C-alpha atoms as a PDB file:
ATOM      1  CA  UNK A   1     123.748  25.096  99.606  1.00  0.00           C
ATOM      2  CA  UNK A   2     123.852  21.940 102.196  1.00  0.00           C
ATOM      3  CA  UNK A   3     121.027  21.773 105.293  1.00  0.00           C
ATOM      4  CA  UNK A   4     123.978  22.131 107.520  1.00  0.00           C
ATOM      5  CA  UNK A   5     125.125  25.741 105.625  1.00  0.00           C
ATOM      6  CA  UNK A   6     121.560  27.088 106.498  1.00  0.00           C
ATOM      7  CA  UNK A   7     121.317  25.724 109.803  1.00  0.00           C
ATOM      8  CA  UNK A   8     124.437  27.527 110.448  1.00  0.00           C
ATOM      9  CA  UNK A   9     123.268  31.320 108.390  1.00  0.00           C
ATOM     10  CA  UNK A  10     120.338  30.453 110.679  1.00  0.00           C
ATOM     11  CA  UNK A  11     122.089  29.945 113.983  1.00  0.00           C
ATOM     12  CA  UNK A  12     123.701  33.172 112.906  1.00  0.00           C
ATOM     13  CA  UNK A  13     121.267  35.444 111.952  1.00  0.00           C
ATOM     14  CA  UNK A  14     118.432  34.567 115.157  1.00  0.00           C
ATOM     15  CA  UNK A  15     120.974  35.547 117.213  1.00  0.00           C
ATOM     16  CA  UNK A  16     122.000  39.007 115.665  1.00  0.00           C
ATOM     17  CA  UNK A  17     118.597  39.913 114.752  1.00  0.00           C
ATOM     18  CA  UNK A  18     117.678  39.540 118.487  1.00  0.00           C
ATOM     19  CA  UNK A  19     120.045  40.874 120.142  1.00  0.00           C
ATOM     20  CA  UNK A  20     121.574  43.752 117.270  1.00  0.00           C
ATOM     21  CA  UNK A  21     118.050  43.738 114.921  1.00  0.00           C
ATOM     22  CA  UNK A  22     115.713  44.890 117.447  1.00  0.00           C
ATOM     23  CA  UNK A  23     117.927  47.820 118.392  1.00  0.00           C
ATOM     24  CA  UNK A  24     118.126  48.983 114.608  1.00  0.00           C
ATOM     25  CA  UNK A  25     114.543  48.638 114.111  1.00  0.00           C
ATOM     26  CA  UNK A  26     113.634  50.598 117.426  1.00  0.00           C
ATOM     27  CA  UNK A  27     116.469  53.278 116.357  1.00  0.00           C
ATOM     28  CA  UNK A  28     115.169  53.756 112.887  1.00  0.00           C
ATOM     29  CA  UNK A  29     111.401  53.543 114.351  1.00  0.00           C
ATOM     30  CA  UNK A  30     111.820  56.450 116.919  1.00  0.00           C
ATOM     31  CA  UNK A  31     113.674  58.761 114.363  1.00  0.00           C
ATOM     32  CA  UNK A  32     110.436  58.699 112.524  1.00  0.00           C
ATOM     33  CA  UNK A  33     108.328  59.257 114.849  1.00  0.00           C
ATOM     34  CA  UNK A  34     110.390  62.047 116.382  1.00  0.00           C
ATOM     35  CA  UNK A  35     110.355  63.654 112.894  1.00  0.00           C
ATOM     36  CA  UNK A  36     106.368  63.074 112.771  1.00  0.00           C
ATOM     37  CA  UNK A  37     105.745  64.855 115.918  1.00  0.00           C
ATOM     38  CA  UNK A  38     108.740  67.747 115.572  1.00  0.00           C
ATOM     39  CA  UNK A  39     107.014  68.321 111.889  1.00  0.00           C
ATOM     40  CA  UNK A  40     103.590  69.146 113.438  1.00  0.00           C
ATOM     41  CA  UNK A  41     105.345  71.140 116.293  1.00  0.00           C
ATOM     42  CA  UNK A  42     107.150  73.008 114.257  1.00  0.00           C
ATOM     43  CA  UNK A  43     104.272  73.630 111.473  1.00  0.00           C
ATOM     44  CA  UNK A  44     101.903  75.013 115.238  1.00  0.00           C
ATOM     45  CA  UNK A  45     104.905  76.870 115.792  1.00  0.00           C
ATOM     46  CA  UNK A  46     105.564  79.098 112.900  1.00  0.00           C
ATOM     47  CA  UNK A  47     101.948  79.599 111.702  1.00  0.00           C
ATOM     48  CA  UNK A  48     101.510  80.911 115.269  1.00  0.00           C
ATOM     49  CA  UNK A  49     104.232  83.228 115.634  1.00  0.00           C
ATOM     50  CA  UNK A  50     103.716  84.534 111.913  1.00  0.00           C
ATOM     51  CA  UNK A  51     102.078  87.550 111.490  1.00  0.00           C
ATOM     52  CA  UNK A  52      99.924  88.797 108.125  1.00  0.00           C
ATOM     53  CA  UNK A  53     101.115  93.038 108.964  1.00  0.00           C
ATOM     54  CA  UNK A  54      97.792  93.244 106.083  1.00  0.00           C
ATOM     55  CA  UNK A  55      99.643  92.058 102.880  1.00  0.00           C
ATOM     56  CA  UNK A  56      97.269  89.336 102.088  1.00  0.00           C
ATOM     57  CA  UNK A  57      97.087  85.862 102.929  1.00  0.00           C
ATOM     58  CA  UNK A  58      99.190  84.471  99.756  1.00  0.00           C
ATOM     59  CA  UNK A  59     101.946  86.178 100.789  1.00  0.00           C
ATOM     60  CA  UNK A  60     101.771  85.089 104.386  1.00  0.00           C
ATOM     61  CA  UNK A  61     101.286  81.635 102.959  1.00  0.00           C
ATOM     62  CA  UNK A  62     104.346  81.249 100.959  1.00  0.00           C
ATOM     63  CA  UNK A  63     106.239  82.508 103.963  1.00  0.00           C
ATOM     64  CA  UNK A  64     105.451  80.501 106.475  1.00  0.00           C
ATOM     65  CA  UNK A  65     105.959  77.443 104.555  1.00  0.00           C
ATOM     66  CA  UNK A  66     109.374  78.904 103.564  1.00  0.00           C
ATOM     67  CA  UNK A  67     110.268  78.659 107.071  1.00  0.00           C
ATOM     68  CA  UNK A  68     108.010  75.111 107.877  1.00  0.00           C
ATOM     69  CA  UNK A  69     110.399  73.776 105.117  1.00  0.00           C
ATOM     70  CA  UNK A  70     113.857  75.189 106.572  1.00  0.00           C
ATOM     71  CA  UNK A  71     113.249  74.217 110.059  1.00  0.00           C
ATOM     72  CA  UNK A  72     111.512  71.018 109.032  1.00  0.00           C
ATOM     73  CA  UNK A  73     114.771  70.139 106.568  1.00  0.00           C
ATOM     74  CA  UNK A  74     117.675  71.217 109.339  1.00  0.00           C
ATOM     75  CA  UNK A  75     115.881  68.700 111.604  1.00  0.00           C
ATOM     76  CA  UNK A  76     114.668  65.750 109.767  1.00  0.00           C
ATOM     77  CA  UNK A  77     119.113  65.853 108.672  1.00  0.00           C
ATOM     78  CA  UNK A  78     119.719  66.463 112.014  1.00  0.00           C
ATOM     79  CA  UNK A  79     117.452  63.329 113.588  1.00  0.00           C
ATOM     80  CA  UNK A  80     118.369  60.698 110.424  1.00  0.00           C
ATOM     81  CA  UNK A  81     122.108  61.050 110.827  1.00  0.00           C
ATOM     82  CA  UNK A  82     122.170  60.563 114.355  1.00  0.00           C
ATOM     83  CA  UNK A  83     119.800  57.745 113.973  1.00  0.00           C
ATOM     84  CA  UNK A  84     122.192  56.283 111.084  1.00  0.00           C
ATOM     85  CA  UNK A  85     125.573  56.837 113.696  1.00  0.00           C
ATOM     86  CA  UNK A  86     123.766  55.415 116.191  1.00  0.00           C
ATOM     87  CA  UNK A  87     122.568  51.867 114.284  1.00  0.00           C
ATOM     88  CA  UNK A  88     126.259  52.121 113.023  1.00  0.00           C
ATOM     89  CA  UNK A  89     127.928  49.695 115.652  1.00  0.00           C
ATOM     90  CA  UNK A  90     125.282  47.334 115.565  1.00  0.00           C
ATOM     91  CA  UNK A  91     127.089  46.192 111.960  1.00  0.00           C
ATOM     92  CA  UNK A  92     129.872  45.791 114.092  1.00  0.00           C
ATOM     93  CA  UNK A  93     131.715  48.915 112.545  1.00  0.00           C
ATOM     94  CA  UNK A  94     133.692  51.436 114.571  1.00  0.00           C
ATOM     95  CA  UNK A  95     132.481  54.744 114.178  1.00  0.00           C
ATOM     96  CA  UNK A  96     135.249  56.575 116.016  1.00  0.00           C
ATOM     97  CA  UNK A  97     137.787  56.597 112.482  1.00  0.00           C
ATOM     98  CA  UNK A  98     134.281  57.905 110.647  1.00  0.00           C
ATOM     99  CA  UNK A  99     133.471  60.113 113.438  1.00  0.00           C
ATOM    100  CA  UNK A 100     137.104  61.834 113.069  1.00  0.00           C
ATOM    101  CA  UNK A 101     137.363  61.855 109.096  1.00  0.00           C
ATOM    102  CA  UNK A 102     133.789  63.495 108.772  1.00  0.00           C
ATOM    103  CA  UNK A 103     135.166  65.825 111.130  1.00  0.00           C
ATOM    104  CA  UNK A 104     137.680  66.836 109.016  1.00  0.00           C
ATOM    105  CA  UNK A 105     135.727  66.639 105.664  1.00  0.00           C
ATOM    106  CA  UNK A 106     133.038  69.396 107.457  1.00  0.00           C
ATOM    107  CA  UNK A 107     136.328  71.402 107.991  1.00  0.00           C
ATOM    108  CA  UNK A 108     137.410  71.365 104.553  1.00  0.00           C
ATOM    109  CA  UNK A 109     133.595  71.435 102.845  1.00  0.00           C
ATOM    110  CA  UNK A 110     133.478  74.421 105.707  1.00  0.00           C
ATOM    111  CA  UNK A 111     136.539  76.469 104.241  1.00  0.00           C
ATOM    112  CA  UNK A 112     135.237  75.765 100.921  1.00  0.00           C
ATOM    113  CA  UNK A 113     131.656  77.329 101.092  1.00  0.00           C
ATOM    114  CA  UNK A 114     132.337  79.878 104.005  1.00  0.00           C
ATOM    115  CA  UNK A 115     130.556  81.841 101.397  1.00  0.00           C
ATOM    116  CA  UNK A 116     127.443  80.427 100.671  1.00  0.00           C
ATOM    117  CA  UNK A 117     126.640  79.347 104.582  1.00  0.00           C
ATOM    118  CA  UNK A 118     126.507  82.542 104.906  1.00  0.00           C
ATOM    119  CA  UNK A 119     124.595  83.622 102.195  1.00  0.00           C
ATOM    120  CA  UNK A 120     122.083  80.769 103.668  1.00  0.00           C
ATOM    121  CA  UNK A 121     122.594  81.549 107.197  1.00  0.00           C
ATOM    122  CA  UNK A 122     121.875  85.524 106.346  1.00  0.00           C
ATOM    123  CA  UNK A 123     118.790  84.534 104.420  1.00  0.00           C
ATOM    124  CA  UNK A 124     117.027  82.370 107.648  1.00  0.00           C
ATOM    125  CA  UNK A 125     117.205  85.415 108.851  1.00  0.00           C
ATOM    126  CA  UNK A 126     115.825  87.788 105.783  1.00  0.00           C
ATOM    127  CA  UNK A 127     112.915  85.175 106.265  1.00  0.00           C
ATOM    128  CA  UNK A 128     112.428  85.019 109.994  1.00  0.00           C
ATOM    129  CA  UNK A 129     112.838  88.574 110.692  1.00  0.00           C
ATOM    130  CA  UNK A 130     110.590  89.299 107.716  1.00  0.00           C
ATOM    131  CA  UNK A 131     112.628  92.175 106.336  1.00  0.00           C
ATOM    132  CA  UNK A 132     111.029  92.197 103.106  1.00  0.00           C
ATOM    133  CA  UNK A 133     108.988  89.820 100.688  1.00  0.00           C
ATOM    134  CA  UNK A 134     108.104  89.140  96.965  1.00  0.00           C
ATOM    135  CA  UNK A 135     106.346  92.000  95.816  1.00  0.00           C
ATOM    136  CA  UNK A 136     108.005  94.392  97.794  1.00  0.00           C
ATOM    137  CA  UNK A 137     109.569  97.496  96.661  1.00  0.00           C
ATOM    138  CA  UNK A 138     113.204  97.743  98.456  1.00  0.00           C
ATOM    139  CA  UNK A 139     117.116  98.552  98.098  1.00  0.00           C
ATOM    140  CA  UNK A 140     119.808  96.297  98.511  1.00  0.00           C
ATOM    141  CA  UNK A 141     123.122  98.475  99.175  1.00  0.00           C
ATOM    142  CA  UNK A 142     122.619 100.783  95.972  1.00  0.00           C
ATOM    143  CA  UNK A 143     119.986  98.141  94.157  1.00  0.00           C
ATOM    144  CA  UNK A 144     116.360  98.872  94.120  1.00  0.00           C
ATOM    145  CA  UNK A 145     113.934  97.252  92.680  1.00  0.00           C
ATOM    146  CA  UNK A 146     110.453  95.368  93.397  1.00  0.00           C
ATOM    147  CA  UNK A 147     110.988  91.851  94.528  1.00  0.00           C
ATOM    148  CA  UNK A 148     110.459  89.142  92.383  1.00  0.00           C
ATOM    149  CA  UNK A 149     111.652  86.032  94.167  1.00  0.00           C
ATOM    150  CA  UNK A 150     113.167  85.157  97.390  1.00  0.00           C
ATOM    151  CA  UNK A 151     115.207  82.284  98.497  1.00  0.00           C
ATOM    152  CA  UNK A 152     116.764  80.694 101.510  1.00  0.00           C
ATOM    153  CA  UNK A 153     120.144  82.166  99.360  1.00  0.00           C
ATOM    154  CA  UNK A 154     119.388  84.690  97.509  1.00  0.00           C
ATOM    155  CA  UNK A 155     116.483  87.491  96.187  1.00  0.00           C
ATOM    156  CA  UNK A 156     115.856  88.349  92.593  1.00  0.00           C
ATOM    157  CA  UNK A 157     114.942  92.236  91.680  1.00  0.00           C
ATOM    158  CA  UNK A 158     113.725  93.272  89.044  1.00  0.00           C
ATOM    159  CA  UNK A 159     114.665  97.356  88.571  1.00  0.00           C
ATOM    160  CA  UNK A 160     112.403 100.014  87.058  1.00  0.00           C
ATOM    161  CA  UNK A 161     114.326  99.526  84.067  1.00  0.00           C
ATOM    162  CA  UNK A 162     113.377  96.135  83.498  1.00  0.00           C
ATOM    163  CA  UNK A 163     116.929  94.339  84.272  1.00  0.00           C
ATOM    164  CA  UNK A 164     117.007  91.366  86.984  1.00  0.00           C
ATOM    165  CA  UNK A 165     119.226  91.172  89.324  1.00  0.00           C
ATOM    166  CA  UNK A 166     120.068  87.855  91.552  1.00  0.00           C
ATOM    167  CA  UNK A 167     121.510  89.407  95.006  1.00  0.00           C
ATOM    168  CA  UNK A 168     123.247  87.264  97.965  1.00  0.00           C
ATOM    169  CA  UNK A 169     121.640  87.554 100.843  1.00  0.00           C
ATOM    170  CA  UNK A 170     125.791  87.633 102.479  1.00  0.00           C
ATOM    171  CA  UNK A 171     126.539  90.439 100.615  1.00  0.00           C
ATOM    172  CA  UNK A 172     124.316  93.013 101.415  1.00  0.00           C
ATOM    173  CA  UNK A 173     124.910  95.229 103.564  1.00  0.00           C
ATOM    174  CA  UNK A 174     121.346  97.887 104.165  1.00  0.00           C
ATOM    175  CA  UNK A 175     118.245  96.840 103.314  1.00  0.00           C
ATOM    176  CA  UNK A 176     116.166  99.450 102.629  1.00  0.00           C
ATOM    177  CA  UNK A 177     112.407  98.703 102.395  1.00  0.00           C
ATOM    178  CA  UNK A 178     109.560 101.218 100.804  1.00  0.00           C
ATOM    179  CA  UNK A 179     106.765  99.352 101.186  1.00  0.00           C
ATOM    180  CA  UNK A 180     106.602  98.168 104.807  1.00  0.00           C
ATOM    181  CA  UNK A 181     103.942  98.405 106.708  1.00  0.00           C
ATOM    182  CA  UNK A 182     103.060 102.208 104.738  1.00  0.00           C
ATOM    183  CA  UNK A 183     104.036 104.172 102.067  1.00  0.00           C
ATOM    184  CA  UNK A 184     105.013 108.262 102.761  1.00  0.00           C
ATOM    185  CA  UNK A 185     104.217 110.302  99.826  1.00  0.00           C
ATOM    186  CA  UNK A 186     106.868 113.364 100.306  1.00  0.00           C
ATOM    187  CA  UNK A 187     108.109 115.963  97.667  1.00  0.00           C
ATOM    188  CA  UNK A 188     109.949 119.606  98.282  1.00  0.00           C
ATOM    189  CA  UNK A 189     107.576 122.047  96.460  1.00  0.00           C
ATOM    190  CA  UNK A 190     109.689 125.360  95.137  1.00  0.00           C
ATOM    191  CA  UNK A 191     107.817 128.945  94.687  1.00  0.00           C
ATOM    192  CA  UNK A 192     109.225 131.887  93.992  1.00  0.00           C
ATOM    193  CA  UNK A 193     110.105 134.653  96.413  1.00  0.00           C
ATOM    194  CA  UNK A 194     107.507 136.816  95.941  1.00  0.00           C
ATOM    195  CA  UNK A 195     105.040 134.568  96.786  1.00  0.00           C
ATOM    196  CA  UNK A 196     102.847 134.467 100.023  1.00  0.00           C
ATOM    197  CA  UNK A 197     103.884 131.719 102.253  1.00  0.00           C
ATOM    198  CA  UNK A 198     100.914 131.670 103.924  1.00  0.00           C
ATOM    199  CA  UNK A 199      98.715 131.712 100.869  1.00  0.00           C
ATOM    200  CA  UNK A 200     100.939 129.014  99.591  1.00  0.00           C
ATOM    201  CA  UNK A 201     100.407 126.763 102.120  1.00  0.00           C
ATOM    202  CA  UNK A 202      96.913 126.899 102.585  1.00  0.00           C
ATOM    203  CA  UNK A 203      96.278 126.234  98.623  1.00  0.00           C
ATOM    204  CA  UNK A 204      98.553 122.906  98.874  1.00  0.00           C
ATOM    205  CA  UNK A 205      96.863 122.116 102.479  1.00  0.00           C
ATOM    206  CA  UNK A 206      93.394 122.690 100.528  1.00  0.00           C
ATOM    207  CA  UNK A 207      94.519 120.291  97.422  1.00  0.00           C
ATOM    208  CA  UNK A 208      95.833 117.569  99.597  1.00  0.00           C
ATOM    209  CA  UNK A 209      92.496 117.397 101.425  1.00  0.00           C
ATOM    210  CA  UNK A 210      90.429 117.353  98.513  1.00  0.00           C
ATOM    211  CA  UNK A 211      92.284 115.137  97.121  1.00  0.00           C
ATOM    212  CA  UNK A 212      91.505 112.617  99.676  1.00  0.00           C
ATOM    213  CA  UNK A 213      88.417 112.732  99.539  1.00  0.00           C
ATOM    214  CA  UNK A 214      87.922 112.029  96.056  1.00  0.00           C
ATOM    215  CA  UNK A 215      87.612 108.245  94.903  1.00  0.00           C
ATOM    216  CA  UNK A 216      89.870 106.431  93.621  1.00  0.00           C
ATOM    217  CA  UNK A 217      92.627 108.568  95.396  1.00  0.00           C
ATOM    218  CA  UNK A 218      90.926 108.023  99.155  1.00  0.00           C
ATOM    219  CA  UNK A 219      90.905 104.044  98.774  1.00  0.00           C
ATOM    220  CA  UNK A 220      94.344 104.596  99.469  1.00  0.00           C
ATOM    221  CA  UNK A 221      95.151 107.343 101.398  1.00  0.00           C
ATOM    222  CA  UNK A 222      95.779 106.978 105.740  1.00  0.00           C
ATOM    223  CA  UNK A 223      97.241 110.839 106.200  1.00  0.00           C
ATOM    224  CA  UNK A 224      96.172 113.418 103.502  1.00  0.00           C
ATOM    225  CA  UNK A 225      99.174 115.068 102.080  1.00  0.00           C
ATOM    226  CA  UNK A 226      99.954 118.061 104.022  1.00  0.00           C
ATOM    227  CA  UNK A 227     102.445 121.426 104.087  1.00  0.00           C
ATOM    228  CA  UNK A 228     105.143 119.638 107.516  1.00  0.00           C
ATOM    229  CA  UNK A 229     105.345 122.259 109.819  1.00  0.00           C
ATOM    230  CA  UNK A 230     104.239 125.652 110.226  1.00  0.00           C
ATOM    231  CA  UNK A 231     106.495 127.350 107.348  1.00  0.00           C
ATOM    232  CA  UNK A 232     109.472 126.767 104.422  1.00  0.00           C
ATOM    233  CA  UNK A 233     111.725 123.731 104.725  1.00  0.00           C
ATOM    234  CA  UNK A 234     114.479 125.873 102.922  1.00  0.00           C
ATOM    235  CA  UNK A 235     115.556 128.688 101.011  1.00  0.00           C
ATOM    236  CA  UNK A 236     117.079 127.130  97.540  1.00  0.00           C
ATOM    237  CA  UNK A 237     118.747 129.483  95.091  1.00  0.00           C
ATOM    238  CA  UNK A 238     115.736 130.474  93.062  1.00  0.00           C
ATOM    239  CA  UNK A 239     112.583 129.467  95.296  1.00  0.00           C
ATOM    240  CA  UNK A 240     111.418 128.749  99.076  1.00  0.00           C
ATOM    241  CA  UNK A 241     110.978 125.050  99.513  1.00  0.00           C
ATOM    242  CA  UNK A 242     107.801 123.785 100.803  1.00  0.00           C
ATOM    243  CA  UNK A 243     108.027 119.884 101.913  1.00  0.00           C
ATOM    244  CA  UNK A 244     104.970 117.809 102.017  1.00  0.00           C
ATOM    245  CA  UNK A 245     103.592 114.829 103.517  1.00  0.00           C
ATOM    246  CA  UNK A 246     100.833 112.070 103.775  1.00  0.00           C
ATOM    247  CA  UNK A 247     100.675 108.500 104.536  1.00  0.00           C
ATOM    248  CA  UNK A 248      99.520 106.107 101.809  1.00  0.00           C
ATOM    249  CA  UNK A 249      98.886 102.115 101.615  1.00  0.00           C
ATOM    250  CA  UNK A 250     101.799  99.897 100.962  1.00  0.00           C
ATOM    251  CA  UNK A 251     102.839 101.099  96.944  1.00  0.00           C
ATOM    252  CA  UNK A 252     100.614 103.642  96.151  1.00  0.00           C
ATOM    253  CA  UNK A 253     102.679 106.412  97.163  1.00  0.00           C
ATOM    254  CA  UNK A 254     104.440 107.367  93.948  1.00  0.00           C
ATOM    255  CA  UNK A 255     101.246 107.384  92.509  1.00  0.00           C
ATOM    256  CA  UNK A 256      99.828 109.691  94.545  1.00  0.00           C
ATOM    257  CA  UNK A 257     102.792 111.898  94.187  1.00  0.00           C
ATOM    258  CA  UNK A 258     102.085 111.877  90.530  1.00  0.00           C
ATOM    259  CA  UNK A 259      98.853 113.047  90.960  1.00  0.00           C
ATOM    260  CA  UNK A 260      99.081 115.537  93.908  1.00  0.00           C
ATOM    261  CA  UNK A 261     101.883 117.414  91.283  1.00  0.00           C
ATOM    262  CA  UNK A 262      99.385 117.309  88.741  1.00  0.00           C
ATOM    263  CA  UNK A 263      96.585 119.346  90.945  1.00  0.00           C
ATOM    264  CA  UNK A 264      99.012 121.244  92.490  1.00  0.00           C
ATOM    265  CA  UNK A 265     100.439 122.975  88.955  1.00  0.00           C
ATOM    266  CA  UNK A 266      96.756 123.933  88.156  1.00  0.00           C
ATOM    267  CA  UNK A 267      96.161 124.998  91.673  1.00  0.00           C
ATOM    268  CA  UNK A 268      99.336 127.401  91.423  1.00  0.00           C
ATOM    269  CA  UNK A 269      98.195 128.374  87.788  1.00  0.00           C
ATOM    270  CA  UNK A 270      94.868 129.130  89.355  1.00  0.00           C
ATOM    271  CA  UNK A 271      96.090 131.047  91.791  1.00  0.00           C
ATOM    272  CA  UNK A 272      99.038 132.641  89.961  1.00  0.00           C
ATOM    273  CA  UNK A 273     101.198 131.347  92.388  1.00  0.00           C
ATOM    274  CA  UNK A 274     104.868 130.751  90.639  1.00  0.00           C
ATOM    275  CA  UNK A 275     106.933 128.186  90.372  1.00  0.00           C
ATOM    276  CA  UNK A 276     110.297 129.434  89.798  1.00  0.00           C
ATOM    277  CA  UNK A 277     113.202 128.490  87.657  1.00  0.00           C
ATOM    278  CA  UNK A 278     116.836 128.670  88.203  1.00  0.00           C
ATOM    279  CA  UNK A 279     117.515 132.243  87.296  1.00  0.00           C
ATOM    280  CA  UNK A 280     120.548 134.528  87.454  1.00  0.00           C
ATOM    281  CA  UNK A 281     121.483 137.876  88.188  1.00  0.00           C
ATOM    282  CA  UNK A 282     124.230 139.508  85.521  1.00  0.00           C
ATOM    283  CA  UNK A 283     125.818 142.742  86.330  1.00  0.00           C
ATOM    284  CA  UNK A 284     127.592 144.652  83.608  1.00  0.00           C
ATOM    285  CA  UNK A 285     130.711 146.250  84.262  1.00  0.00           C
ATOM    286  CA  UNK A 286     131.612 150.044  82.321  1.00  0.00           C
ATOM    287  CA  UNK A 287     134.968 149.845  81.328  1.00  0.00           C
ATOM    288  CA  UNK A 288     137.354 153.694  81.416  1.00  0.00           C
ATOM    289  CA  UNK A 289     135.137 156.746  82.984  1.00  0.00           C
END
């Protein structure tokens, strides 16, 4: 390479760097600084907005990190895309056809991935609204189980039989959370029609009150399991049904009910209260005279 060629290259590069290179540096540096400032702002805003609802620091930390990752990642993609588009004209590239082609390509991709986009948007609202979290027991439409993992696209449930279900957020219509803030221990108790209902309800309330005063059940009890209302909830085919309910800590209501049933059985046996079983009366018709 001759000295004249080197001088020509230098005479071209230096004016280009002064006219365009400085702009490119400022654009890229501005994008970098904007990302750093926005990341700090998003982290503070998310950590301030997220409330624990009594589920522990680890669960909240996971939720915060998920939200921060989503918002920071989305902002970073937008900022750097704009920065790159702004630098292209400095290289003499006409961005008009590129933007038009990108629009057509984006439209085609949008049609092809509309279900995935729907899943991601639904997942964002699940996390943002704190509808449920890992270790909650929920039902997504008719599929119930304990949550093992939540991503932006799907929720992973393990049901009572050990089967793992991968459910896309966009396919869910109804979300039922059985462990949100508190649990409700609720059941119906059936007794024979011949029993004194007032006495039965008194026995039920005594069992619930005593259970709420004893360890380890008192640690999980918010309100003692008691008979609901002032009388039976239903007249069934073979007995009178009495509804009982009480508030417990999240996830403990099923264990509380199992212990309550055990104690009710012993209490009813001691008081001679009959727990009915299906019965049918048959009338024999005598033919002839």
